[in-house]
Protein backbone atom coordinates (compact mmCIF):
# COMPACT_ATOMS: atom_id res chain seq x y z
CA MET A 1 0.08 0.02 -0.22
CA HIS A 2 1.41 3.17 -1.40
CA HIS A 3 1.36 6.41 1.24
CA ILE A 4 0.44 10.12 -0.07
CA GLY A 5 0.88 13.37 1.99
CA MET A 6 -0.64 16.65 0.50
CA ASP A 7 0.06 19.79 1.71
CA VAL A 8 -2.99 21.87 0.78
CA HIS A 9 -3.52 25.37 -0.41
CA ASP A 10 -6.44 26.98 -2.65
CA LYS A 11 -4.02 27.04 -6.22
CA VAL A 12 -0.92 24.87 -5.73
CA THR A 13 -1.40 21.61 -3.76
CA MET A 14 2.42 19.52 -2.50
CA ILE A 15 1.94 15.92 -3.22
CA CYS A 16 4.36 13.39 -1.88
CA VAL A 17 4.11 9.25 -2.35
CA ARG A 18 5.92 6.89 -0.14
CA ASP A 19 6.05 3.09 -1.09
CA PRO A 20 5.37 0.09 0.92
CA ASN A 21 8.96 0.11 2.41
CA GLY A 22 8.69 4.05 3.48
CA LYS A 23 11.08 5.82 0.49
CA ILE A 24 9.48 8.88 -1.76
CA ALA A 25 9.01 7.22 -4.55
CA GLU A 26 7.17 10.25 -5.88
CA GLU A 27 6.96 14.06 -5.86
CA ARG A 28 4.09 16.51 -7.65
CA THR A 29 3.10 19.92 -7.39
CA LEU A 30 -0.35 20.18 -8.61
CA ARG A 31 -1.16 23.99 -9.87
CA GLY A 32 -4.76 24.50 -10.28
CA PRO A 33 -8.31 24.41 -8.70
CA LEU A 34 -8.77 21.36 -5.68
CA SER A 35 -11.45 19.89 -7.71
CA ALA A 36 -8.35 18.59 -10.03
CA LEU A 37 -7.45 16.25 -7.15
CA ARG A 38 -9.88 13.85 -7.32
CA GLY A 39 -8.81 13.17 -11.08
CA THR A 40 -4.91 13.29 -9.63
CA MET A 41 -6.05 10.95 -7.25
CA ALA A 42 -7.50 8.66 -9.43
CA ASN A 43 -4.59 8.45 -11.68
CA LEU A 44 -2.52 7.80 -8.99
CA GLN A 45 -4.49 4.47 -8.22
CA LYS A 46 -4.25 3.09 -11.75
CA LYS A 47 -0.09 4.15 -11.28
CA TYR A 48 0.42 2.45 -7.54
CA GLY A 49 -2.37 0.14 -7.17
CA PRO A 50 -6.19 0.19 -5.53
CA GLN A 51 -4.98 0.43 -2.26
CA LEU A 52 -4.31 4.06 -1.02
CA ARG A 53 -3.54 6.31 2.08
CA ILE A 54 -4.14 10.07 1.47
CA CYS A 55 -3.31 12.35 4.49
CA TYR A 56 -3.87 15.75 5.00
CA GLU A 57 -4.14 18.45 7.04
CA ALA A 58 -7.42 20.16 8.74
CA SER A 59 -8.61 23.22 7.22
CA THR A 60 -11.19 25.37 5.37
CA GLY A 61 -12.64 23.01 3.44
CA ALA A 62 -11.51 19.81 4.57
CA GLY A 63 -14.79 18.05 5.27
CA TRP A 64 -15.66 18.88 1.12
CA LEU A 65 -12.00 18.03 0.29
CA HIS A 66 -12.81 14.66 2.43
CA ASP A 67 -15.99 13.79 0.71
CA GLU A 68 -14.39 14.98 -2.62
CA LEU A 69 -11.24 12.32 -2.46
CA GLN A 70 -13.37 9.20 -1.22
CA ALA A 71 -13.67 6.28 -3.54
CA PRO A 72 -13.53 2.48 -3.25
CA GLY A 73 -9.43 1.66 -2.10
CA ARG A 74 -9.16 4.49 -0.55
CA GLN A 75 -8.55 5.83 3.27
CA ILE A 76 -8.57 9.26 3.96
CA LEU A 77 -7.24 10.66 7.01
CA VAL A 78 -7.01 14.11 8.26
CA ALA A 79 -4.32 15.50 10.44
CA HIS A 80 -4.82 17.96 13.54
CA PRO A 81 -2.36 20.68 12.28
CA GLY A 82 -1.71 22.16 15.80
CA LYS A 83 -0.57 18.80 17.22
CA VAL A 84 1.27 17.84 13.38
CA ARG A 85 3.60 21.25 14.56
CA MET A 86 4.09 19.80 18.17
CA ILE A 87 5.72 16.66 16.29
CA PHE A 88 7.70 18.27 13.77
CA ARG A 89 9.61 20.92 15.16
CA ALA A 90 11.78 21.97 12.12
CA LYS A 91 13.65 25.31 11.64
CA ARG A 92 13.41 24.82 7.70
CA LYS A 93 9.60 24.45 6.30
CA ASN A 94 7.85 24.95 3.03
CA ASP A 95 5.06 23.00 0.98
CA ARG A 96 7.40 20.04 0.14
CA ILE A 97 8.81 19.42 3.68
CA ASP A 98 5.19 19.33 5.08
CA ALA A 99 3.81 17.10 2.11
CA GLN A 100 7.27 14.58 3.28
CA LYS A 101 6.31 14.70 7.02
CA LEU A 102 2.28 13.82 6.70
CA SER A 103 3.23 11.35 4.34
CA ALA A 104 6.02 9.84 7.04
CA LEU A 105 3.49 10.01 9.35
CA LEU A 106 0.96 7.93 7.53
CA TYR A 107 3.90 5.51 6.86
CA LEU A 108 4.31 5.54 10.48
CA ASP A 109 0.61 5.04 11.80
CA GLN A 110 1.17 8.03 13.67
CA VAL A 111 -1.26 10.69 12.16
CA PRO A 112 -2.59 13.01 14.85
CA LEU A 113 -6.23 12.78 13.78
CA ALA A 114 -8.83 15.46 13.43
CA HIS A 115 -12.60 14.63 13.61
CA ILE A 116 -14.57 15.16 10.20
CA PRO A 117 -18.62 15.11 11.22
CA PRO A 118 -20.83 14.02 8.57
CA TYR A 119 -21.88 17.29 5.87
CA GLN A 120 -25.46 17.33 7.24
CA VAL A 121 -23.93 18.25 10.90
CA ARG A 122 -21.07 20.27 9.02
CA GLN A 123 -23.95 22.44 7.41
CA TRP A 124 -25.75 22.84 10.85
CA ARG A 125 -22.46 23.84 12.38
CA ARG A 126 -22.46 26.51 9.66
CA LEU A 127 -25.59 27.61 9.89
CA ILE A 128 -24.57 27.89 14.20
CA GLU A 129 -21.70 30.39 13.42
CA TYR A 130 -23.43 32.63 10.59
CA ARG A 131 -26.02 33.19 13.58
CA ARG A 132 -23.25 34.21 15.72
CA LYS A 133 -21.43 36.29 13.21
CA LEU A 134 -24.90 37.74 13.01
CA VAL A 135 -25.77 38.49 16.27
CA GLU A 136 -22.24 40.05 17.23
CA ARG A 137 -23.11 42.64 14.25
CA ARG A 138 -26.12 43.20 15.96
CA GLY A 139 -24.31 44.16 19.28
CA ALA A 140 -21.57 46.13 17.36
CA VAL A 141 -24.54 48.43 15.60
CA LYS A 142 -26.28 48.72 19.26
CA SER A 143 -22.80 49.45 20.75
CA ARG A 144 -22.67 52.60 17.91
CA THR A 145 -25.49 53.83 18.50
CA ARG A 146 -25.76 54.29 22.27
CA THR A 147 -22.10 55.64 21.75
CA LEU A 148 -24.04 58.36 19.30
CA LEU A 149 -26.05 59.24 22.06
CA ARG A 150 -23.05 59.61 24.43
CA SER A 151 -21.88 62.00 22.86
CA ARG A 152 -24.08 63.97 22.80
CA GLY A 153 -24.70 63.58 26.89
CA ILE A 154 -27.97 62.03 25.95
CA VAL A 155 -29.14 59.07 28.84
CA ALA A 156 -30.74 56.37 26.98
CA PRO A 157 -33.76 54.58 28.93
CA ARG A 158 -33.63 51.10 30.22
CA CYS A 159 -36.07 50.16 27.35
CA LEU A 160 -33.97 51.02 24.31
CA TRP A 161 -34.58 47.92 21.98
CA THR A 162 -37.65 47.01 22.52
CA LYS A 163 -40.65 48.84 20.32
CA ARG A 164 -41.26 51.74 22.65
CA GLY A 165 -37.42 52.49 23.03
CA LEU A 166 -36.31 52.32 19.07
CA ALA A 167 -39.57 54.96 18.86
CA TRP A 168 -38.21 56.99 21.27
CA LEU A 169 -34.79 56.53 19.61
CA GLU A 170 -36.03 57.31 15.69
CA GLU A 171 -38.47 60.88 17.47
CA LEU A 172 -35.17 61.80 19.04
CA ASN A 173 -33.96 65.61 17.86
CA LEU A 174 -30.17 65.37 16.25
CA SER A 175 -28.06 67.19 13.67
CA GLU A 176 -28.49 66.40 10.37
CA VAL A 177 -25.18 64.11 10.12
CA GLU A 178 -26.45 62.60 13.52
CA ALA A 179 -30.03 61.88 12.07
CA LEU A 180 -28.56 60.48 8.81
CA GLU A 181 -26.40 57.51 11.33
CA ARG A 182 -29.40 57.03 13.60
CA THR A 183 -31.62 56.30 10.75
CA LEU A 184 -28.95 53.71 9.06
CA MET A 185 -28.23 52.29 12.16
CA LEU A 186 -32.18 51.73 13.10
CA GLU A 187 -32.33 50.21 9.03
CA GLU A 188 -29.32 47.79 9.71
CA LEU A 189 -30.44 46.75 13.28
CA ALA A 190 -34.14 45.49 11.71
CA SER A 191 -32.40 43.89 8.21
CA LEU A 192 -30.21 42.16 11.06
CA LYS A 193 -32.82 40.75 12.93
CA GLU A 194 -35.19 39.82 10.09
CA ARG A 195 -31.95 37.51 9.30
CA ILE A 196 -31.36 36.66 12.30
CA GLY A 197 -35.20 35.75 12.82
CA ARG A 198 -34.68 33.58 9.25
CA VAL A 199 -31.53 31.43 11.02
CA GLU A 200 -32.98 30.78 13.72
CA LYS A 201 -36.23 29.41 11.87
CA HIS A 202 -34.13 26.70 9.94
CA LEU A 203 -32.32 26.04 13.15
CA GLY A 204 -35.53 24.99 15.24
CA ILE A 205 -36.35 22.86 12.27
CA LEU A 206 -33.02 21.29 11.97
CA ALA A 207 -33.38 20.80 16.24
CA LYS A 208 -36.85 19.65 16.08
CA ARG A 209 -34.86 16.31 14.24
CA GLU A 210 -32.11 15.69 17.07
CA PRO A 211 -33.70 14.65 20.22
CA ALA A 212 -30.40 15.07 21.92
CA VAL A 213 -31.60 19.00 21.90
CA GLY A 214 -34.28 18.23 24.01
CA LEU A 215 -32.54 16.51 26.49
CA LEU A 216 -29.94 18.85 26.53
CA MET A 217 -32.91 21.62 27.40
CA THR A 218 -33.51 19.46 30.31
CA ILE A 219 -31.22 21.43 32.58
CA PRO A 220 -31.84 24.66 33.70
CA GLY A 221 -30.94 27.58 32.38
CA VAL A 222 -29.92 25.79 29.35
CA GLY A 223 -31.67 27.09 26.34
CA ILE A 224 -32.22 25.73 22.13
CA ARG A 225 -29.28 27.91 21.07
CA THR A 226 -26.57 26.12 23.76
CA ALA A 227 -28.27 23.18 23.63
CA GLU A 228 -28.17 22.45 19.60
CA ALA A 229 -24.57 23.91 20.00
CA VAL A 230 -23.36 21.25 22.06
CA VAL A 231 -24.86 18.95 20.20
CA ALA A 232 -23.55 20.05 16.12
CA TYR A 233 -19.71 19.57 17.92
CA VAL A 234 -20.32 17.21 20.19
CA ASP A 235 -21.50 15.03 17.30
CA ASP A 236 -21.02 11.11 18.46
CA PRO A 237 -20.65 11.68 22.12
CA HIS A 238 -18.85 7.66 22.10
CA ARG A 239 -15.74 9.79 20.40
CA PHE A 240 -14.13 10.80 23.15
CA LEU A 241 -12.14 8.19 25.68
CA ARG A 242 -12.90 9.99 28.79
CA ILE A 243 -15.77 12.11 29.96
CA LYS A 244 -12.84 14.73 31.48
CA SER A 245 -11.90 15.17 27.29
CA VAL A 246 -14.27 17.00 26.35
CA GLY A 247 -13.14 20.14 28.67
CA CYS A 248 -10.19 19.81 26.65
CA TYR A 249 -12.01 19.96 23.25
CA PHE A 250 -13.81 23.25 24.54
CA GLY A 251 -10.84 24.87 25.42
CA LEU A 252 -12.48 25.09 29.22
CA VAL A 253 -8.96 23.66 30.86
CA PRO A 254 -6.61 25.91 32.15
CA CYS A 255 -3.01 25.37 30.45
CA GLU A 256 -1.00 23.58 32.34
CA ASP A 257 3.43 23.70 32.96
CA THR A 258 4.57 20.97 35.65
CA SER A 259 7.83 20.02 34.14
CA VAL A 260 9.70 22.10 37.62
CA LYS A 261 6.40 23.03 39.25
CA ALA A 262 2.96 23.18 39.24
CA ARG A 263 1.67 26.31 37.56
CA PHE A 264 -1.36 26.71 35.76
CA GLY A 265 -2.54 30.01 33.83
CA HIS A 266 -5.63 31.43 32.11
CA ILE A 267 -7.99 28.36 30.06
CA THR A 268 -6.73 27.21 26.77
CA LYS A 269 -9.42 28.57 24.91
CA GLU A 270 -9.45 25.89 21.85
CA GLY A 271 -11.84 24.41 19.97
CA PRO A 272 -15.42 26.15 18.85
CA SER A 273 -15.23 29.22 20.55
CA THR A 274 -19.25 29.64 19.83
CA VAL A 275 -19.64 26.95 22.13
CA ARG A 276 -17.46 27.99 24.79
CA LYS A 277 -19.32 31.28 25.07
CA LEU A 278 -22.95 30.06 24.96
CA LEU A 279 -21.98 27.09 27.77
CA THR A 280 -20.75 30.31 29.82
CA GLU A 281 -24.00 32.20 29.27
CA ALA A 282 -26.31 28.93 29.96
CA THR A 283 -23.77 28.38 33.45
CA TRP A 284 -25.03 31.88 34.72
CA GLN A 285 -28.74 30.58 34.16
CA ALA A 286 -27.99 27.37 35.53
CA ILE A 287 -26.56 29.13 38.74
CA ARG A 288 -29.47 30.96 39.25
CA ARG A 289 -32.32 28.70 38.70
CA ASP A 290 -30.75 25.80 40.30
CA ALA A 291 -29.53 24.43 43.67
CA THR A 292 -27.15 21.61 42.95
CA VAL A 293 -25.59 23.74 40.26
CA ARG A 294 -25.73 26.88 42.54
CA ALA A 295 -23.37 25.11 45.30
CA TYR A 296 -21.26 23.44 43.09
CA PHE A 297 -20.14 27.70 41.85
CA GLU A 298 -19.79 28.60 45.23
CA ARG A 299 -17.71 25.54 46.32
CA ILE A 300 -15.49 27.03 43.97
CA CYS A 301 -15.62 30.59 44.73
CA ARG A 302 -15.05 29.85 48.80
CA ASN A 303 -17.00 33.04 49.48
CA ASP A 304 -14.33 35.13 47.34
CA ARG A 305 -15.57 37.47 45.14
CA ASP A 306 -11.89 37.23 43.24
CA ARG A 307 -12.52 33.56 42.18
CA ARG A 308 -16.44 34.04 40.48
CA LYS A 309 -14.97 34.01 36.80
CA ILE A 310 -12.54 30.84 37.90
CA ALA A 311 -15.87 29.23 39.62
CA LEU A 312 -17.94 30.31 36.41
CA VAL A 313 -15.51 28.60 33.91
CA ALA A 314 -15.17 25.20 35.76
CA THR A 315 -19.05 25.02 36.63
CA ALA A 316 -19.09 26.10 32.37
CA HIS A 317 -16.63 22.23 32.31
CA HIS A 318 -18.70 20.52 34.49
CA LEU A 319 -21.75 21.34 32.82
CA ALA A 320 -19.84 20.22 29.75
CA ARG A 321 -19.30 16.89 31.14
CA VAL A 322 -22.59 16.54 32.60
CA MET A 323 -23.90 17.20 29.34
CA LEU A 324 -22.06 14.93 27.42
CA SER A 325 -22.84 11.61 29.89
CA MET A 326 -26.05 12.60 29.18
CA LEU A 327 -25.84 12.05 25.74
CA ARG A 328 -24.18 9.02 25.97
CA THR A 329 -26.54 7.50 28.46
CA GLY A 330 -29.45 9.21 27.12
CA GLU A 331 -30.93 10.56 30.62
CA CYS A 332 -33.08 13.29 31.48
CA TRP A 333 -31.38 16.20 33.81
CA ASN A 334 -32.25 14.74 37.85
CA PRO A 335 -30.79 16.76 40.07
CA VAL A 336 -32.45 14.79 42.71
CA SER A 337 -30.44 11.72 42.21
CA GLY A 338 -27.16 13.24 41.33
CA GLY A 339 -27.54 15.72 38.07
CA CYS A 340 -24.69 17.76 38.54
CA ARG A 341 -22.41 15.08 40.30
CA ARG A 342 -19.47 14.31 39.12
CA PRO A 343 -20.09 11.57 35.82
CA GLN A 344 -17.70 8.58 34.99
CA THR A 345 -14.40 9.54 33.77
CA ARG A 346 -14.23 6.19 31.34
CA GLY A 347 -15.99 5.39 28.32
CA SER A 348 -15.87 3.25 25.72
CA GLY A 349 -14.73 4.84 21.84
CA PRO A 350 -11.77 5.65 20.34
CA ALA A 351 -9.64 8.59 21.35
CA VAL A 352 -11.28 12.10 21.25
CA PRO A 353 -9.90 14.40 18.66
CA ALA A 354 -8.58 17.85 19.44
CA ALA A 355 -9.86 19.71 16.79
CA ALA A 356 -13.15 19.40 14.67
């Protein structure tokens, strides 16, 4: 079986082929769109035999390329770019060397894998991320509106973003330039509201098809947006080796350096930031609404206001582990029987990939 490492870019792709003995059999540079890779792989399969192993690093479009290269006799592996860099720390780096590294890892069967979800899940994630960008843009417009009011020394009412508040803003006496700015921002807000509504409507349809979303919504404070994001990014709950691994996946664990002395820093912030943000917001709501979650938060907080952020992240990490346990077992939230109890740390399934 031949092993093919590819350093993939939009217009240029470097290919390195190793024979069954690990020797480099061929190197070539493919210039052109990524869609041409399908024909190139077919030619290589005719040349080197029906069985091929192909490896490339995860990046934008990794899922599409994974589906594009699928064919009988081919094994497609997608490498985690961060872990590949940790394995190979070299002063020389170019496309040719990167392709050689990937083919060598493939031959040694040491490729650090990245999880590639099915097409439907990738589209679900895409829509979740698009909604987040629209919400962030709406927040930026609201912030600019408040800045405009502060520049005139105007105190905005608390109900500024309700119908009554927007009517007050529209009738406000401003200069010609300021009035134009206000009108444009109000129009943008209305447009963003309509677009967010359309996206959320479609997300609601997708969420109804997944019973796991309703399962996670049994947790106090967890709404449909948080539940669908967790389900979409977890994808297969049994792909995690341990329940604890979900905290690493979502970047909720602290940076660690214990080679000489135990040192812990800020959280790693690896993985999908959208889920991390939604989990944190849901955790605040869960702390207010559920006694068991609040008790967990207060135990970490130790009656010290300076530890509130630490306790919040720790509680969000804890809820993420509980969510994964619920997705594995199919059990609803039940604080009476220990719904926020530390879940089991071992489970069946392959090791968790570090990125998706």
